[in-house]
Amino acid sequence: MMILETMLANLAERGNLQADVARVISRLALAAVSVRGIINDGALGAAFSGKRHARDGGDTQYNLDVHTDELFLSAMHKCPVALYATEELDRPVRLDPKASLAIAIDPLDGSSNIDTNVSIGTIFSILETVPDADGAADADATFHQPGSAQLAAGFFIYGPQLALAGSWGDGLRIFVYSARQDAFVQIEAQGAIPRKASEFAINASNYRHWDEPTRMYIDDCLQGANGPREKDYNMRWIAALVADCYRILIRGGVYLYPGDARAGYTQGRLRLVYEANPIAMLVEQAGGMATDGERRILDLVPSALHQRTPLIFGSADEVARIARYYADPGAIGGRAPLFGARGLFRV
């Protein structure tokens, strides 16, 4: 089995830009091992000492969010990184202005799971910088590139295993950290995400707030073998994007976080630049699809660093079917009027 550092050494041989990407991923991996140690200490460590405050948009910031962000930022000081953009700060941090790369990161995805010992993670996206007139990295131009411009993306998941799911454009690779070898070791090569799904992940408590296409899709799934889908579905929801994505990468399924009618949720809640884009790259590299319900995520052009988006990803056939619910639900084959009139939750 190949270890991450050997694979990154091979990547570095492809050219200077790829060598810079390899160096950044290597440093991120070292920082992730440190984060894992802090998480393993749990409430016995100072980083778990509680919440700080609610950020703009209503997200709660925990001490562990801030501490993790500081660890990754420190790691990037030793890399060819010009700009470090994070969920924890309004504006990017400027590092080496002439460096080739920029990184956008959610240092601790799934913060609401901290107190309950459920999987959390770190999501990252690596972009080539766009220079300004003086040759220094232009922050807005760099982070307003579409997700298709990503050089690499991935996430670390801090669960029963510390794992890395990553891609630098030539397929999905999954590594598990071995304490015995002190290295990330690639697990058996993953095939494509199955095109069809029998599991969906969504926060069903928000049903009353969803738009009609989302309700109709979930209603049809919940009808099971006797409904228009003619098979039974399982529902999974971990409330950590990395955990739900990791499960889908391993065994298929579909994930939905739509926009809804609540204040602040009309454009979804997930951030396009450092959550949806890296997840979409991984999913597509594994043969799946990622959309906002209608448009490919990687085609969207961000207008702001912290821009939000709906996100639907997973098994390609299922994501494509969901898009048809948004475009023209009446045209979906096998959907009888009986199932459009009343859903499990509707009266």
Protein backbone atom coordinates (compact mmCIF):
# COMPACT_ATOMS: atom_id res chain seq x y z
CA MET A 1 0.00 0.00 0.00
CA MET A 2 1.28 3.46 -0.89
CA ILE A 3 1.73 6.14 1.74
CA LEU A 4 0.68 9.74 1.19
CA GLU A 5 4.20 11.17 1.19
CA THR A 6 5.32 8.80 -1.58
CA MET A 7 2.31 9.75 -3.68
CA LEU A 8 2.96 13.45 -3.08
CA ALA A 9 6.57 12.99 -4.13
CA ASN A 10 5.30 11.57 -7.42
CA LEU A 11 2.96 14.55 -7.77
CA ALA A 12 5.85 16.97 -7.17
CA GLU A 13 7.72 15.54 -10.17
CA ARG A 14 5.04 16.85 -12.54
CA GLY A 15 6.14 20.48 -12.31
CA ASN A 16 6.70 23.44 -10.01
CA LEU A 17 3.01 24.15 -9.41
CA GLN A 18 2.30 20.52 -8.59
CA ALA A 19 5.31 20.48 -6.28
CA ASP A 20 3.82 23.43 -4.40
CA VAL A 21 0.47 21.62 -4.14
CA ALA A 22 2.21 18.53 -2.79
CA ARG A 23 4.00 20.58 -0.16
CA VAL A 24 0.76 22.19 1.01
CA ILE A 25 -1.07 18.86 1.30
CA SER A 26 1.86 17.39 3.24
CA ARG A 27 1.75 20.26 5.75
CA LEU A 28 -2.03 20.01 6.05
CA ALA A 29 -1.67 16.32 6.87
CA LEU A 30 0.83 17.05 9.65
CA ALA A 31 -1.51 19.67 11.11
CA ALA A 32 -4.44 17.23 10.95
CA VAL A 33 -2.51 14.72 13.06
CA SER A 34 -2.03 17.46 15.69
CA VAL A 35 -5.74 18.31 15.56
CA ARG A 36 -6.59 14.67 16.03
CA GLY A 37 -4.50 14.60 19.22
CA ILE A 38 -6.35 17.61 20.58
CA ILE A 39 -9.72 16.05 19.73
CA ASN A 40 -8.71 12.80 21.40
CA ASP A 41 -8.09 14.72 24.63
CA GLY A 42 -11.69 15.85 24.46
CA ALA A 43 -13.07 17.74 27.43
CA LEU A 44 -9.79 17.10 29.29
CA GLY A 45 -8.08 19.68 27.04
CA ALA A 46 -8.31 23.46 27.10
CA ALA A 47 -9.41 23.64 23.45
CA PHE A 48 -12.78 22.14 24.46
CA SER A 49 -13.48 24.88 26.99
CA GLY A 50 -16.67 26.07 25.29
CA LYS A 51 -18.25 28.48 22.84
CA ARG A 52 -16.99 31.92 21.91
CA HIS A 53 -19.87 33.67 20.17
CA ALA A 54 -22.31 33.51 17.29
CA ARG A 55 -20.72 34.72 14.05
CA ASP A 56 -22.53 36.73 11.40
CA GLY A 57 -25.11 34.42 9.87
CA GLY A 58 -25.86 32.65 13.14
CA ASP A 59 -23.07 30.04 13.18
CA THR A 60 -21.68 29.38 16.64
CA GLN A 61 -17.91 29.63 16.98
CA TYR A 62 -16.32 27.22 19.47
CA ASN A 63 -12.89 27.53 21.05
CA LEU A 64 -11.93 24.36 19.19
CA ASP A 65 -12.86 26.08 15.87
CA VAL A 66 -10.45 28.90 16.62
CA HIS A 67 -7.67 26.66 17.92
CA THR A 68 -7.88 24.38 14.88
CA ASP A 69 -7.83 27.35 12.53
CA GLU A 70 -4.69 28.68 14.21
CA LEU A 71 -2.97 25.31 13.77
CA PHE A 72 -3.67 25.16 10.04
CA LEU A 73 -2.72 28.79 9.53
CA SER A 74 0.58 28.19 11.30
CA ALA A 75 1.25 25.20 9.04
CA MET A 76 0.68 27.33 5.94
CA HIS A 77 3.33 29.87 6.98
CA LYS A 78 5.90 27.28 5.90
CA CYS A 79 4.30 26.69 2.49
CA PRO A 80 4.12 28.46 -0.90
CA VAL A 81 0.78 30.02 0.08
CA ALA A 82 -0.07 33.64 -0.65
CA LEU A 83 -3.60 33.71 0.77
CA TYR A 84 -5.30 31.76 3.54
CA ALA A 85 -9.10 32.09 3.59
CA THR A 86 -11.02 30.53 6.44
CA GLU A 87 -14.56 30.27 7.70
CA GLU A 88 -13.37 31.81 10.96
CA LEU A 89 -12.31 35.20 9.51
CA ASP A 90 -14.11 37.74 7.34
CA ARG A 91 -11.12 38.38 5.06
CA PRO A 92 -8.24 36.19 3.84
CA VAL A 93 -4.91 36.28 5.67
CA ARG A 94 -2.02 37.39 3.47
CA LEU A 95 1.10 35.25 3.76
CA ASP A 96 3.75 35.22 0.99
CA PRO A 97 2.35 37.70 -1.61
CA LYS A 98 4.38 36.18 -4.45
CA ALA A 99 3.55 32.54 -3.70
CA SER A 100 1.70 30.45 -6.26
CA LEU A 101 -1.16 29.06 -4.19
CA ALA A 102 -4.17 30.07 -2.13
CA ILE A 103 -6.05 27.86 0.28
CA ALA A 104 -9.66 28.12 1.43
CA ILE A 105 -10.48 26.06 4.49
CA ASP A 106 -13.22 25.12 6.89
CA PRO A 107 -10.94 24.17 9.78
CA LEU A 108 -13.59 22.35 11.78
CA ASP A 109 -16.68 21.15 9.96
CA GLY A 110 -19.47 19.78 12.14
CA SER A 111 -18.80 21.89 15.24
CA SER A 112 -22.23 21.09 16.65
CA ASN A 113 -20.98 17.51 17.13
CA ILE A 114 -18.06 18.49 19.37
CA ASP A 115 -19.82 17.87 22.68
CA THR A 116 -21.41 14.60 21.59
CA ASN A 117 -18.27 12.76 20.38
CA VAL A 118 -19.49 12.46 16.79
CA SER A 119 -17.23 12.72 13.73
CA ILE A 120 -16.03 16.18 12.68
CA GLY A 121 -13.52 17.25 10.04
CA THR A 122 -11.48 19.78 8.08
CA ILE A 123 -12.31 20.71 4.47
CA PHE A 124 -9.81 22.41 2.15
CA SER A 125 -9.59 23.77 -1.39
CA ILE A 126 -6.34 24.72 -3.16
CA LEU A 127 -6.31 27.28 -5.98
CA GLU A 128 -3.65 28.92 -8.10
CA THR A 129 -3.43 32.61 -7.27
CA VAL A 130 -4.54 35.31 -9.69
CA PRO A 131 -2.00 38.18 -9.63
CA ASP A 132 -2.87 41.85 -9.47
CA ALA A 133 -1.13 44.58 -11.51
CA ASP A 134 1.88 44.47 -9.19
CA GLY A 135 2.24 40.69 -9.38
CA ALA A 136 0.94 40.04 -5.86
CA ALA A 137 -1.97 37.68 -5.25
CA ASP A 138 -5.35 39.35 -5.76
CA ALA A 139 -7.61 37.97 -3.02
CA ASP A 140 -10.96 38.68 -4.67
CA ALA A 141 -9.94 37.46 -8.12
CA THR A 142 -8.37 34.33 -6.64
CA PHE A 143 -11.29 33.23 -4.47
CA HIS A 144 -13.91 34.22 -7.05
CA GLN A 145 -12.71 31.52 -9.44
CA PRO A 146 -15.20 28.71 -10.13
CA GLY A 147 -14.67 25.38 -8.40
CA SER A 148 -13.52 23.87 -11.70
CA ALA A 149 -10.29 25.88 -11.24
CA GLN A 150 -9.30 23.96 -8.09
CA LEU A 151 -5.89 22.33 -8.28
CA ALA A 152 -6.66 20.01 -5.36
CA ALA A 153 -9.26 19.53 -2.68
CA GLY A 154 -9.99 17.23 0.20
CA PHE A 155 -11.06 16.73 3.76
CA PHE A 156 -9.77 15.12 6.92
CA ILE A 157 -12.31 13.29 9.04
CA TYR A 158 -11.68 12.84 12.77
CA GLY A 159 -13.71 9.76 13.56
CA PRO A 160 -12.91 6.24 14.72
CA GLN A 161 -10.10 6.59 12.18
CA LEU A 162 -8.30 9.73 11.05
CA ALA A 163 -8.78 9.65 7.28
CA LEU A 164 -8.03 11.89 4.32
CA ALA A 165 -10.19 11.94 1.20
CA GLY A 166 -8.42 13.96 -1.47
CA SER A 167 -7.92 14.62 -5.14
CA TRP A 168 -5.43 16.58 -7.21
CA GLY A 169 -7.32 16.04 -10.44
CA ASP A 170 -6.63 12.41 -11.29
CA GLY A 171 -9.25 10.57 -9.26
CA LEU A 172 -10.30 10.18 -5.66
CA ARG A 173 -7.79 8.85 -3.13
CA ILE A 174 -8.56 7.85 0.44
CA PHE A 175 -5.92 7.46 3.13
CA VAL A 176 -6.12 6.33 6.76
CA TYR A 177 -3.60 7.50 9.31
CA SER A 178 -1.52 4.72 10.85
CA ALA A 179 -0.07 5.67 14.24
CA ARG A 180 2.24 2.66 14.01
CA GLN A 181 3.76 3.92 10.74
CA ASP A 182 3.19 7.62 11.55
CA ALA A 183 1.88 8.02 8.02
CA PHE A 184 -1.29 8.28 5.97
CA VAL A 185 -1.66 5.00 4.11
CA GLN A 186 -3.85 4.67 1.02
CA ILE A 187 -6.64 2.20 1.51
CA GLU A 188 -7.73 -0.16 -1.25
CA ALA A 189 -8.41 1.86 -4.39
CA GLN A 190 -11.96 3.16 -4.48
CA GLY A 191 -14.13 2.62 -7.51
CA ALA A 192 -16.73 5.11 -8.66
CA ILE A 193 -19.63 6.05 -6.42
CA PRO A 194 -22.50 3.72 -7.44
CA ARG A 195 -24.72 5.54 -9.93
CA LYS A 196 -27.90 4.53 -8.12
CA ALA A 197 -28.71 5.19 -4.47
CA SER A 198 -30.78 3.57 -1.74
CA GLU A 199 -29.88 6.07 1.01
CA PHE A 200 -30.47 9.79 1.31
CA ALA A 201 -29.08 12.24 3.85
CA ILE A 202 -31.16 15.26 4.80
CA ASN A 203 -32.28 17.05 7.96
CA ALA A 204 -35.93 15.99 7.90
CA SER A 205 -36.83 18.31 10.79
CA ASN A 206 -36.80 21.16 8.25
CA TYR A 207 -39.47 19.53 6.06
CA ARG A 208 -42.00 22.31 6.62
CA HIS A 209 -39.48 24.89 5.35
CA TRP A 210 -38.42 23.11 2.16
CA ASP A 211 -39.38 24.11 -1.36
CA GLU A 212 -41.84 21.93 -3.24
CA PRO A 213 -39.30 19.96 -5.37
CA THR A 214 -37.40 18.84 -2.26
CA ARG A 215 -40.61 17.78 -0.50
CA MET A 216 -41.81 15.87 -3.54
CA TYR A 217 -38.51 14.01 -3.90
CA ILE A 218 -38.41 13.01 -0.22
CA ASP A 219 -42.10 12.07 -0.24
CA ASP A 220 -41.48 9.72 -3.16
CA CYS A 221 -38.52 8.10 -1.39
CA LEU A 222 -40.50 7.64 1.81
CA GLN A 223 -43.26 5.80 -0.06
CA GLY A 224 -40.71 3.00 -0.45
CA ALA A 225 -41.37 -0.10 -2.50
CA ASN A 226 -45.06 0.80 -2.83
CA GLY A 227 -44.36 4.28 -4.21
CA PRO A 228 -43.12 5.65 -7.51
CA ARG A 229 -39.48 4.79 -6.72
CA GLU A 230 -40.45 1.13 -6.21
CA LYS A 231 -37.77 0.48 -3.59
CA ASP A 232 -37.13 1.17 0.07
CA TYR A 233 -34.74 3.92 1.13
CA ASN A 234 -32.76 4.47 4.31
CA MET A 235 -32.18 7.95 5.72
CA ARG A 236 -28.86 9.01 7.27
CA TRP A 237 -28.00 12.41 8.76
CA ILE A 238 -24.84 13.00 10.81
CA ALA A 239 -24.87 16.84 10.72
CA ALA A 240 -21.23 16.95 9.65
CA LEU A 241 -20.68 17.40 5.93
CA VAL A 242 -17.42 15.42 5.97
CA ALA A 243 -19.04 12.43 7.69
CA ASP A 244 -22.00 12.29 5.35
CA CYS A 245 -19.71 12.72 2.34
CA TYR A 246 -17.27 10.03 3.50
CA ARG A 247 -20.11 7.53 3.79
CA ILE A 248 -21.30 8.37 0.28
CA LEU A 249 -17.77 8.07 -1.16
CA ILE A 250 -17.49 4.61 0.37
CA ARG A 251 -20.94 3.15 -0.35
CA GLY A 252 -23.03 5.58 -2.37
CA GLY A 253 -26.16 7.57 -1.61
CA VAL A 254 -27.26 11.17 -1.98
CA TYR A 255 -26.95 14.23 0.26
CA LEU A 256 -29.30 17.20 0.23
CA TYR A 257 -28.92 20.55 1.97
CA PRO A 258 -31.39 22.71 0.03
CA GLY A 259 -32.23 26.33 0.51
CA ASP A 260 -35.44 26.77 2.47
CA ALA A 261 -37.90 29.38 3.71
CA ARG A 262 -36.16 30.22 7.00
CA ALA A 263 -34.47 33.58 7.37
CA GLY A 264 -30.86 33.26 6.25
CA TYR A 265 -31.43 29.88 4.56
CA THR A 266 -32.91 30.89 1.20
CA GLN A 267 -29.53 30.42 -0.50
CA GLY A 268 -28.65 27.36 1.56
CA ARG A 269 -26.25 27.31 4.51
CA LEU A 270 -23.10 25.70 3.16
CA ARG A 271 -20.30 27.91 1.87
CA LEU A 272 -19.52 27.60 -1.82
CA VAL A 273 -15.78 28.34 -1.78
CA TYR A 274 -14.52 26.15 1.05
CA GLU A 275 -17.29 23.59 1.58
CA ALA A 276 -19.34 22.92 -1.57
CA ASN A 277 -16.52 23.33 -4.11
CA PRO A 278 -14.03 20.90 -2.52
CA ILE A 279 -16.76 18.36 -1.81
CA ALA A 280 -18.00 18.66 -5.41
CA MET A 281 -14.49 18.08 -6.76
CA LEU A 282 -14.10 14.90 -4.72
CA VAL A 283 -17.54 13.62 -5.68
CA GLU A 284 -17.01 14.24 -9.39
CA GLN A 285 -13.57 12.64 -9.26
CA ALA A 286 -15.33 9.57 -7.84
CA GLY A 287 -17.90 9.50 -10.65
CA GLY A 288 -20.71 11.25 -8.81
CA MET A 289 -22.48 14.56 -9.35
CA ALA A 290 -22.84 17.75 -7.30
CA THR A 291 -25.37 20.51 -8.01
CA ASP A 292 -27.32 23.27 -6.31
CA GLY A 293 -30.45 21.49 -7.51
CA GLU A 294 -30.18 22.76 -11.05
CA ARG A 295 -26.61 23.89 -11.81
CA ARG A 296 -23.28 22.07 -11.51
CA ILE A 297 -21.54 23.32 -8.38
CA LEU A 298 -18.13 23.52 -10.04
CA ASP A 299 -19.52 25.88 -12.70
CA LEU A 300 -20.75 28.48 -10.20
CA VAL A 301 -18.70 31.68 -10.04
CA PRO A 302 -18.48 32.97 -6.44
CA SER A 303 -19.19 36.65 -5.87
CA ALA A 304 -18.09 36.62 -2.23
CA LEU A 305 -15.72 34.54 -0.11
CA HIS A 306 -18.43 33.39 2.30
CA GLN A 307 -21.18 32.96 -0.30
CA ARG A 308 -23.70 30.25 0.54
CA THR A 309 -25.27 27.70 -1.77
CA PRO A 310 -27.71 24.80 -1.71
CA LEU A 311 -25.83 21.52 -2.16
CA ILE A 312 -26.97 18.18 -3.52
CA PHE A 313 -24.37 15.51 -4.26
CA GLY A 314 -23.76 11.80 -4.49
CA SER A 315 -24.79 9.00 -6.85
CA ALA A 316 -25.03 10.45 -10.34
CA ASP A 317 -28.39 9.00 -11.37
CA GLU A 318 -30.02 10.14 -8.16
CA VAL A 319 -28.64 13.69 -8.34
CA ALA A 320 -29.79 13.91 -11.97
CA ARG A 321 -33.25 12.74 -10.95
CA ILE A 322 -33.46 15.36 -8.21
CA ALA A 323 -32.61 18.01 -10.82
CA ARG A 324 -35.65 16.88 -12.79
CA TYR A 325 -37.86 17.52 -9.74
CA TYR A 326 -36.64 21.11 -9.87
CA ALA A 327 -36.95 21.47 -13.65
CA ASP A 328 -40.25 19.67 -14.32
CA PRO A 329 -41.55 17.24 -11.66
CA GLY A 330 -44.55 16.30 -13.81
CA ALA A 331 -42.23 14.86 -16.45
CA ILE A 332 -40.62 12.31 -14.13
CA GLY A 333 -41.47 8.87 -15.40
CA GLY A 334 -43.39 6.62 -13.02
CA ARG A 335 -44.57 9.44 -10.79
CA ALA A 336 -48.32 8.92 -10.57
CA PRO A 337 -50.61 11.80 -9.51
CA LEU A 338 -51.49 9.80 -6.40
CA PHE A 339 -48.01 10.40 -5.01
CA GLY A 340 -47.99 14.11 -5.82
CA ALA A 341 -51.09 14.85 -3.78
CA ARG A 342 -50.03 13.75 -0.34
CA GLY A 343 -46.73 12.89 1.30
CA LEU A 344 -45.98 11.08 4.54
CA PHE A 345 -45.67 14.36 6.45
CA ARG A 346 -48.46 16.25 4.62
CA VAL A 347 -52.09 16.44 5.60
